[in-house]
Amino acid sequence: AAGSLLLRADGSVQSAGVRLTPDGHGADLPEPP
């Protein structure tokens, strides 16, 4: 799987992939890892 860089209307990053939190949430990354 190859993910994208999702951008908000102002050009800021909404998601650069997903990380796994210690309690098992999938959280958007603010920049490529």
Full PDB file with SEQRES, HELIX, SHEET, SSBOND, CRYST1, ORIGX, SCALE, CONECT and MASTER records, all heavy atoms in Angstrom:
SEQRES   1 A   33  ALA ALA GLY SER LEU LEU LEU ARG ALA ASP GLY SER VAL          
SEQRES   2 A   33  GLN SER ALA GLY VAL ARG LEU THR PRO ASP GLY HIS GLY          
SEQRES   3 A   33  ALA ASP LEU PRO GLU PRO PRO                                  
SHEET    1 AA1 2 LEU A   6  LEU A   7  0                                        
SHEET    2 AA1 2 VAL A  13  SER A  15 -1                                        
SHEET    1 AA2 2 VAL A  18  LEU A  20  0                                        
SHEET    2 AA2 2 GLY A  26  ASP A  28 -1                                        
CRYST1    1.000    1.000    1.000  90.00  90.00  90.00 P 1           1          
ORIGX1      1.000000  0.000000  0.000000        0.00000                         
ORIGX2      0.000000  1.000000  0.000000        0.00000                         
ORIGX3      0.000000  0.000000  1.000000        0.00000                         
SCALE1      1.000000  0.000000  0.000000        0.00000                         
SCALE2      0.000000  1.000000  0.000000        0.00000                         
SCALE3      0.000000  0.000000  1.000000        0.00000                         
ATOM      1  N   ALA A   1       0.833  -1.194   0.000  1.00  0.00           N  
ATOM      2  CA  ALA A   1       0.000   0.000   0.000  1.00  0.00           C  
ATOM      3  C   ALA A   1       0.869   1.245   0.000  1.00  0.00           C  
ATOM      4  O   ALA A   1       1.841   1.330   0.748  1.00  0.00           O  
ATOM      5  CB  ALA A   1      -0.928   0.013   1.212  1.00  0.00           C  
ATOM      6  N   ALA A   2       0.492   2.199  -0.840  1.00  0.00           N  
ATOM      7  CA  ALA A   2       1.193   3.481  -0.917  1.00  0.00           C  
ATOM      8  C   ALA A   2       0.191   4.590  -0.608  1.00  0.00           C  
ATOM      9  O   ALA A   2      -0.798   4.760  -1.333  1.00  0.00           O  
ATOM     10  CB  ALA A   2       1.807   3.681  -2.298  1.00  0.00           C  
ATOM     11  N   GLY A   3       0.437   5.306   0.479  1.00  0.00           N  
ATOM     12  CA  GLY A   3      -0.470   6.365   0.910  1.00  0.00           C  
ATOM     13  C   GLY A   3      -0.058   7.721   0.385  1.00  0.00           C  
ATOM     14  O   GLY A   3       1.064   7.925  -0.084  1.00  0.00           O  
ATOM     15  N   SER A   4      -0.985   8.658   0.490  1.00  0.00           N  
ATOM     16  CA  SER A   4      -0.811   9.991  -0.074  1.00  0.00           C  
ATOM     17  C   SER A   4      -0.559  11.032   1.009  1.00  0.00           C  
ATOM     18  O   SER A   4      -0.655  10.744   2.207  1.00  0.00           O  
ATOM     19  CB  SER A   4      -2.078  10.379  -0.846  1.00  0.00           C  
ATOM     20  OG  SER A   4      -2.451   9.384  -1.763  1.00  0.00           O  
ATOM     21  N   LEU A   5      -0.264  12.244   0.563  1.00  0.00           N  
ATOM     22  CA  LEU A   5      -0.187  13.407   1.441  1.00  0.00           C  
ATOM     23  C   LEU A   5      -1.508  14.169   1.274  1.00  0.00           C  
ATOM     24  O   LEU A   5      -1.760  14.760   0.232  1.00  0.00           O  
ATOM     25  CB  LEU A   5       0.999  14.276   1.049  1.00  0.00           C  
ATOM     26  CG  LEU A   5       1.520  15.256   2.085  1.00  0.00           C  
ATOM     27  CD1 LEU A   5       2.121  14.530   3.285  1.00  0.00           C  
ATOM     28  CD2 LEU A   5       2.554  16.186   1.453  1.00  0.00           C  
ATOM     29  N   LEU A   6      -2.359  14.104   2.298  1.00  0.00           N  
ATOM     30  CA  LEU A   6      -3.648  14.784   2.245  1.00  0.00           C  
ATOM     31  C   LEU A   6      -3.516  16.180   2.835  1.00  0.00           C  
ATOM     32  O   LEU A   6      -2.989  16.337   3.945  1.00  0.00           O  
ATOM     33  CB  LEU A   6      -4.721  13.988   2.994  1.00  0.00           C  
ATOM     34  CG  LEU A   6      -5.389  12.874   2.181  1.00  0.00           C  
ATOM     35  CD1 LEU A   6      -4.447  11.683   2.008  1.00  0.00           C  
ATOM     36  CD2 LEU A   6      -6.682  12.425   2.829  1.00  0.00           C  
ATOM     37  N   LEU A   7      -4.006  17.170   2.097  1.00  0.00           N  
ATOM     38  CA  LEU A   7      -3.811  18.569   2.446  1.00  0.00           C  
ATOM     39  C   LEU A   7      -5.148  19.263   2.682  1.00  0.00           C  
ATOM     40  O   LEU A   7      -6.115  19.050   1.948  1.00  0.00           O  
ATOM     41  CB  LEU A   7      -3.062  19.285   1.324  1.00  0.00           C  
ATOM     42  CG  LEU A   7      -1.726  18.655   0.895  1.00  0.00           C  
ATOM     43  CD1 LEU A   7      -1.199  19.348  -0.346  1.00  0.00           C  
ATOM     44  CD2 LEU A   7      -0.719  18.733   2.031  1.00  0.00           C  
ATOM     45  N   ARG A   8      -5.167  20.120   3.687  1.00  0.00           N  
ATOM     46  CA  ARG A   8      -6.339  20.960   3.941  1.00  0.00           C  
ATOM     47  C   ARG A   8      -6.374  22.104   2.923  1.00  0.00           C  
ATOM     48  O   ARG A   8      -5.424  22.322   2.175  1.00  0.00           O  
ATOM     49  CB  ARG A   8      -6.304  21.513   5.359  1.00  0.00           C  
ATOM     50  CG  ARG A   8      -6.273  20.448   6.445  1.00  0.00           C  
ATOM     51  CD  ARG A   8      -6.307  21.089   7.828  1.00  0.00           C  
ATOM     52  NE  ARG A   8      -6.190  20.097   8.900  1.00  0.00           N  
ATOM     53  CZ  ARG A   8      -5.054  19.711   9.448  1.00  0.00           C  
ATOM     54  NH1 ARG A   8      -3.912  20.251   9.033  1.00  0.00           N  
ATOM     55  NH2 ARG A   8      -5.039  18.807  10.403  1.00  0.00           N  
ATOM     56  N   ALA A   9      -7.468  22.862   2.960  1.00  0.00           N  
ATOM     57  CA  ALA A   9      -7.627  23.961   2.000  1.00  0.00           C  
ATOM     58  C   ALA A   9      -6.536  25.008   2.133  1.00  0.00           C  
ATOM     59  O   ALA A   9      -6.164  25.661   1.144  1.00  0.00           O  
ATOM     60  CB  ALA A   9      -9.001  24.600   2.189  1.00  0.00           C  
ATOM     61  N   ASP A  10      -5.984  25.187   3.348  1.00  0.00           N  
ATOM     62  CA  ASP A  10      -4.927  26.191   3.547  1.00  0.00           C  
ATOM     63  C   ASP A  10      -3.534  25.653   3.223  1.00  0.00           C  
ATOM     64  O   ASP A  10      -2.533  26.355   3.413  1.00  0.00           O  
ATOM     65  CB  ASP A  10      -4.965  26.723   4.981  1.00  0.00           C  
ATOM     66  CG  ASP A  10      -4.677  25.642   6.028  1.00  0.00           C  
ATOM     67  OD1 ASP A  10      -4.411  24.483   5.652  1.00  0.00           O  
ATOM     68  OD2 ASP A  10      -4.737  25.960   7.229  1.00  0.00           O  
ATOM     69  N   GLY A  11      -3.458  24.411   2.730  1.00  0.00           N  
ATOM     70  CA  GLY A  11      -2.181  23.818   2.360  1.00  0.00           C  
ATOM     71  C   GLY A  11      -1.488  23.054   3.461  1.00  0.00           C  
ATOM     72  O   GLY A  11      -0.463  22.402   3.217  1.00  0.00           O  
ATOM     73  N   SER A  12      -2.006  23.105   4.680  1.00  0.00           N  
ATOM     74  CA  SER A  12      -1.404  22.345   5.781  1.00  0.00           C  
ATOM     75  C   SER A  12      -1.730  20.867   5.627  1.00  0.00           C  
ATOM     76  O   SER A  12      -2.696  20.479   4.949  1.00  0.00           O  
ATOM     77  CB  SER A  12      -1.907  22.860   7.129  1.00  0.00           C  
ATOM     78  OG  SER A  12      -3.321  22.693   7.242  1.00  0.00           O  
ATOM     79  N   VAL A  13      -0.929  20.036   6.272  1.00  0.00           N  
ATOM     80  CA  VAL A  13      -1.077  18.588   6.122  1.00  0.00           C  
ATOM     81  C   VAL A  13      -2.147  18.061   7.069  1.00  0.00           C  
ATOM     82  O   VAL A  13      -2.081  18.268   8.281  1.00  0.00           O  
ATOM     83  CB  VAL A  13       0.264  17.873   6.398  1.00  0.00           C  
ATOM     84  CG1 VAL A  13       0.080  16.355   6.350  1.00  0.00           C  
ATOM     85  CG2 VAL A  13       1.313  18.303   5.391  1.00  0.00           C  
ATOM     86  N   GLN A  14      -3.143  17.409   6.509  1.00  0.00           N  
ATOM     87  CA  GLN A  14      -4.131  16.706   7.328  1.00  0.00           C  
ATOM     88  C   GLN A  14      -3.626  15.323   7.711  1.00  0.00           C  
ATOM     89  O   GLN A  14      -3.757  14.890   8.850  1.00  0.00           O  
ATOM     90  CB  GLN A  14      -5.458  16.569   6.595  1.00  0.00           C  
ATOM     91  CG  GLN A  14      -6.507  15.755   7.372  1.00  0.00           C  
ATOM     92  CD  GLN A  14      -7.425  14.971   6.467  1.00  0.00           C  
ATOM     93  OE1 GLN A  14      -7.786  15.427   5.377  1.00  0.00           O  
ATOM     94  NE2 GLN A  14      -7.804  13.768   6.892  1.00  0.00           N  
ATOM     95  N   SER A  15      -3.032  14.620   6.736  1.00  0.00           N  
ATOM     96  CA  SER A  15      -2.525  13.278   7.018  1.00  0.00           C  
ATOM     97  C   SER A  15      -1.371  12.946   6.089  1.00  0.00           C  
ATOM     98  O   SER A  15      -1.461  13.119   4.877  1.00  0.00           O  
ATOM     99  CB  SER A  15      -3.625  12.225   6.850  1.00  0.00           C  
ATOM    100  OG  SER A  15      -3.108  10.927   7.103  1.00  0.00           O  
ATOM    101  N   ALA A  16      -0.287  12.443   6.698  1.00  0.00           N  
ATOM    102  CA  ALA A  16       0.853  11.923   5.951  1.00  0.00           C  
ATOM    103  C   ALA A  16       1.048  10.447   6.290  1.00  0.00           C  
ATOM    104  O   ALA A  16       2.163   9.942   6.308  1.00  0.00           O  
ATOM    105  CB  ALA A  16       2.109  12.721   6.283  1.00  0.00           C  
ATOM    106  N   GLY A  17      -0.050   9.780   6.565  1.00  0.00           N  
ATOM    107  CA  GLY A  17      -0.008   8.400   7.025  1.00  0.00           C  
ATOM    108  C   GLY A  17      -0.643   8.302   8.403  1.00  0.00           C  
ATOM    109  O   GLY A  17      -1.099   9.299   8.972  1.00  0.00           O  
ATOM    110  N   VAL A  18      -0.651   7.100   8.935  1.00  0.00           N  
ATOM    111  CA  VAL A  18      -1.305   6.840  10.223  1.00  0.00           C  
ATOM    112  C   VAL A  18      -0.323   6.158  11.166  1.00  0.00           C  
ATOM    113  O   VAL A  18       0.382   5.228  10.776  1.00  0.00           O  
ATOM    114  CB  VAL A  18      -2.555   5.956  10.024  1.00  0.00           C  
ATOM    115  CG1 VAL A  18      -3.098   5.435  11.344  1.00  0.00           C  
ATOM    116  CG2 VAL A  18      -3.634   6.747   9.295  1.00  0.00           C  
ATOM    117  N   ARG A  19      -0.283   6.655  12.400  1.00  0.00           N  
ATOM    118  CA  ARG A  19       0.511   6.001  13.433  1.00  0.00           C  
ATOM    119  C   ARG A  19      -0.414   5.249  14.380  1.00  0.00           C  
ATOM    120  O   ARG A  19      -1.620   5.523  14.438  1.00  0.00           O  
ATOM    121  CB  ARG A  19       1.339   7.024  14.209  1.00  0.00           C  
ATOM    122  CG  ARG A  19       0.531   7.984  15.059  1.00  0.00           C  
ATOM    123  CD  ARG A  19       1.421   9.033  15.714  1.00  0.00           C  
ATOM    124  NE  ARG A  19       0.658   9.945  16.554  1.00  0.00           N  
ATOM    125  CZ  ARG A  19       0.434   9.753  17.847  1.00  0.00           C  
ATOM    126  NH1 ARG A  19       0.935   8.680  18.457  1.00  0.00           N  
ATOM    127  NH2 ARG A  19      -0.267  10.616  18.551  1.00  0.00           N  
ATOM    128  N   LEU A  20       0.143   4.331  15.133  1.00  0.00           N  
ATOM    129  CA  LEU A  20      -0.611   3.545  16.105  1.00  0.00           C  
ATOM    130  C   LEU A  20      -0.261   4.037  17.498  1.00  0.00           C  
ATOM    131  O   LEU A  20       0.902   3.986  17.910  1.00  0.00           O  
ATOM    132  CB  LEU A  20      -0.253   2.060  15.959  1.00  0.00           C  
ATOM    133  CG  LEU A  20      -1.048   1.055  16.777  1.00  0.00           C  
ATOM    134  CD1 LEU A  20      -2.523   1.100  16.431  1.00  0.00           C  
ATOM    135  CD2 LEU A  20      -0.500  -0.357  16.548  1.00  0.00           C  
ATOM    136  N   THR A  21      -1.249   4.548  18.228  1.00  0.00           N  
ATOM    137  CA  THR A  21      -0.993   5.099  19.560  1.00  0.00           C  
ATOM    138  C   THR A  21      -0.888   3.974  20.594  1.00  0.00           C  
ATOM    139  O   THR A  21      -1.301   2.838  20.327  1.00  0.00           O  
ATOM    140  CB  THR A  21      -2.111   6.063  19.971  1.00  0.00           C  
ATOM    141  OG1 THR A  21      -3.313   5.313  20.202  1.00  0.00           O  
ATOM    142  CG2 THR A  21      -2.358   7.116  18.895  1.00  0.00           C  
ATOM    143  N   PRO A  22      -0.368   4.262  21.791  1.00  0.00           N  
ATOM    144  CA  PRO A  22      -0.228   3.225  22.811  1.00  0.00           C  
ATOM    145  C   PRO A  22      -1.546   2.597  23.253  1.00  0.00           C  
ATOM    146  O   PRO A  22      -1.555   1.476  23.776  1.00  0.00           O  
ATOM    147  CB  PRO A  22       0.441   3.960  23.982  1.00  0.00           C  
ATOM    148  CG  PRO A  22       1.176   5.089  23.344  1.00  0.00           C  
ATOM    149  CD  PRO A  22       0.307   5.529  22.210  1.00  0.00           C  
ATOM    150  N   ASP A  23      -2.679   3.310  23.039  1.00  0.00           N  
ATOM    151  CA  ASP A  23      -3.967   2.718  23.398  1.00  0.00           C  
ATOM    152  C   ASP A  23      -4.728   2.209  22.175  1.00  0.00           C  
ATOM    153  O   ASP A  23      -5.918   1.916  22.252  1.00  0.00           O  
ATOM    154  CB  ASP A  23      -4.829   3.715  24.182  1.00  0.00           C  
ATOM    155  CG  ASP A  23      -5.035   5.025  23.440  1.00  0.00           C  
ATOM    156  OD1 ASP A  23      -4.481   5.178  22.328  1.00  0.00           O  
ATOM    157  OD2 ASP A  23      -5.750   5.898  23.966  1.00  0.00           O  
ATOM    158  N   GLY A  24      -4.025   2.102  21.052  1.00  0.00           N  
ATOM    159  CA  GLY A  24      -4.615   1.464  19.886  1.00  0.00           C  
ATOM    160  C   GLY A  24      -5.450   2.346  18.997  1.00  0.00           C  
ATOM    161  O   GLY A  24      -6.249   1.844  18.202  1.00  0.00           O  
ATOM    162  N   HIS A  25      -5.292   3.654  19.084  1.00  0.00           N  
ATOM    163  CA  HIS A  25      -5.944   4.546  18.131  1.00  0.00           C  
ATOM    164  C   HIS A  25      -5.091   4.647  16.864  1.00  0.00           C  
ATOM    165  O   HIS A  25      -3.857   4.610  16.922  1.00  0.00           O  
ATOM    166  CB  HIS A  25      -6.115   5.947  18.719  1.00  0.00           C  
ATOM    167  CG  HIS A  25      -7.238   6.076  19.686  1.00  0.00           C  
ATOM    168  ND1 HIS A  25      -7.109   5.794  21.028  1.00  0.00           N  
ATOM    169  CD2 HIS A  25      -8.528   6.462  19.510  1.00  0.00           C  
ATOM    170  CE1 HIS A  25      -8.267   6.001  21.635  1.00  0.00           C  
ATOM    171  NE2 HIS A  25      -9.142   6.403  20.751  1.00  0.00           N  
ATOM    172  N   GLY A  26      -5.757   4.789  15.742  1.00  0.00           N  
ATOM    173  CA  GLY A  26      -5.075   5.153  14.517  1.00  0.00           C  
ATOM    174  C   GLY A  26      -5.102   6.665  14.403  1.00  0.00           C  
ATOM    175  O   GLY A  26      -6.187   7.255  14.318  1.00  0.00           O  
ATOM    176  N   ALA A  27      -3.951   7.331  14.431  1.00  0.00           N  
ATOM    177  CA  ALA A  27      -3.886   8.791  14.452  1.00  0.00           C  
ATOM    178  C   ALA A  27      -3.132   9.300  13.230  1.00  0.00           C  
ATOM    179  O   ALA A  27      -2.094   8.741  12.849  1.00  0.00           O  
ATOM    180  CB  ALA A  27      -3.194   9.270  15.728  1.00  0.00           C  
ATOM    181  N   ASP A  28      -3.660  10.363  12.612  1.00  0.00           N  
ATOM    182  CA  ASP A  28      -3.005  10.940  11.441  1.00  0.00           C  
ATOM    183  C   ASP A  28      -1.644  11.525  11.804  1.00  0.00           C  
ATOM    184  O   ASP A  28      -1.493  12.203  12.834  1.00  0.00           O  
ATOM    185  CB  ASP A  28      -3.873  12.041  10.840  1.00  0.00           C  
ATOM    186  CG  ASP A  28      -5.075  11.505  10.100  1.00  0.00           C  
ATOM    187  OD1 ASP A  28      -4.912  10.533   9.347  1.00  0.00           O  
ATOM    188  OD2 ASP A  28      -6.177  12.052  10.276  1.00  0.00           O  
ATOM    189  N   LEU A  29      -0.668  11.291  10.951  1.00  0.00           N  
ATOM    190  CA  LEU A  29       0.658  11.887  11.095  1.00  0.00           C  
ATOM    191  C   LEU A  29       0.679  13.259  10.447  1.00  0.00           C  
ATOM    192  O   LEU A  29       0.190  13.418   9.320  1.00  0.00           O  
ATOM    193  CB  LEU A  29       1.714  10.998  10.444  1.00  0.00           C  
ATOM    194  CG  LEU A  29       2.058   9.693  11.176  1.00  0.00           C  
ATOM    195  CD1 LEU A  29       2.810   8.751  10.247  1.00  0.00           C  
ATOM    196  CD2 LEU A  29       2.891   9.985  12.407  1.00  0.00           C  
ATOM    197  N   PRO A  30       1.247  14.269  11.104  1.00  0.00           N  
ATOM    198  CA  PRO A  30       1.274  15.617  10.536  1.00  0.00           C  
ATOM    199  C   PRO A  30       2.380  15.821   9.514  1.00  0.00           C  
ATOM    200  O   PRO A  30       2.409  16.852   8.846  1.00  0.00           O  
ATOM    201  CB  PRO A  30       1.502  16.496  11.764  1.00  0.00           C  
ATOM    202  CG  PRO A  30       2.278  15.633  12.701  1.00  0.00           C  
ATOM    203  CD  PRO A  30       1.767  14.236  12.490  1.00  0.00           C  
ATOM    204  N   GLU A  31       3.279  14.877   9.386  1.00  0.00           N  
ATOM    205  CA  GLU A  31       4.344  14.967   8.390  1.00  0.00           C  
ATOM    206  C   GLU A  31       4.814  13.551   8.066  1.00  0.00           C  
ATOM    207  O   GLU A  31       4.610  12.622   8.855  1.00  0.00           O  
ATOM    208  CB  GLU A  31       5.513  15.802   8.907  1.00  0.00           C  
ATOM    209  CG  GLU A  31       6.137  15.283  10.172  1.00  0.00           C  
ATOM    210  CD  GLU A  31       7.216  16.202  10.707  1.00  0.00           C  
ATOM    211  OE1 GLU A  31       7.192  17.402  10.394  1.00  0.00           O  
ATOM    212  OE2 GLU A  31       8.088  15.703  11.442  1.00  0.00           O  
ATOM    213  N   PRO A  32       5.401  13.355   6.890  1.00  0.00           N  
ATOM    214  CA  PRO A  32       5.874  12.012   6.538  1.00  0.00           C  
ATOM    215  C   PRO A  32       6.852  11.480   7.573  1.00  0.00           C  
ATOM    216  O   PRO A  32       7.705  12.216   8.065  1.00  0.00           O  
ATOM    217  CB  PRO A  32       6.556  12.220   5.180  1.00  0.00           C  
ATOM    218  CG  PRO A  32       5.896  13.442   4.616  1.00  0.00           C  
ATOM    219  CD  PRO A  32       5.616  14.321   5.804  1.00  0.00           C  
ATOM    220  N   PRO A  33       6.740  10.220   7.935  1.00  0.00           N  
ATOM    221  CA  PRO A  33       7.629   9.659   8.954  1.00  0.00           C  
ATOM    222  C   PRO A  33       9.037   9.461   8.423  1.00  0.00           C  
ATOM    223  O   PRO A  33       9.248   9.395   7.206  1.00  0.00           O  
ATOM    224  CB  PRO A  33       6.972   8.310   9.274  1.00  0.00           C  
ATOM    225  CG  PRO A  33       6.287   7.930   8.003  1.00  0.00           C  
ATOM    226  CD  PRO A  33       5.791   9.222   7.403  1.00  0.00           C  
TER     227      PRO A  33                                                      
MASTER        0    0    0    0    4    0    0    6  226    1    0    3          
END                                                                             
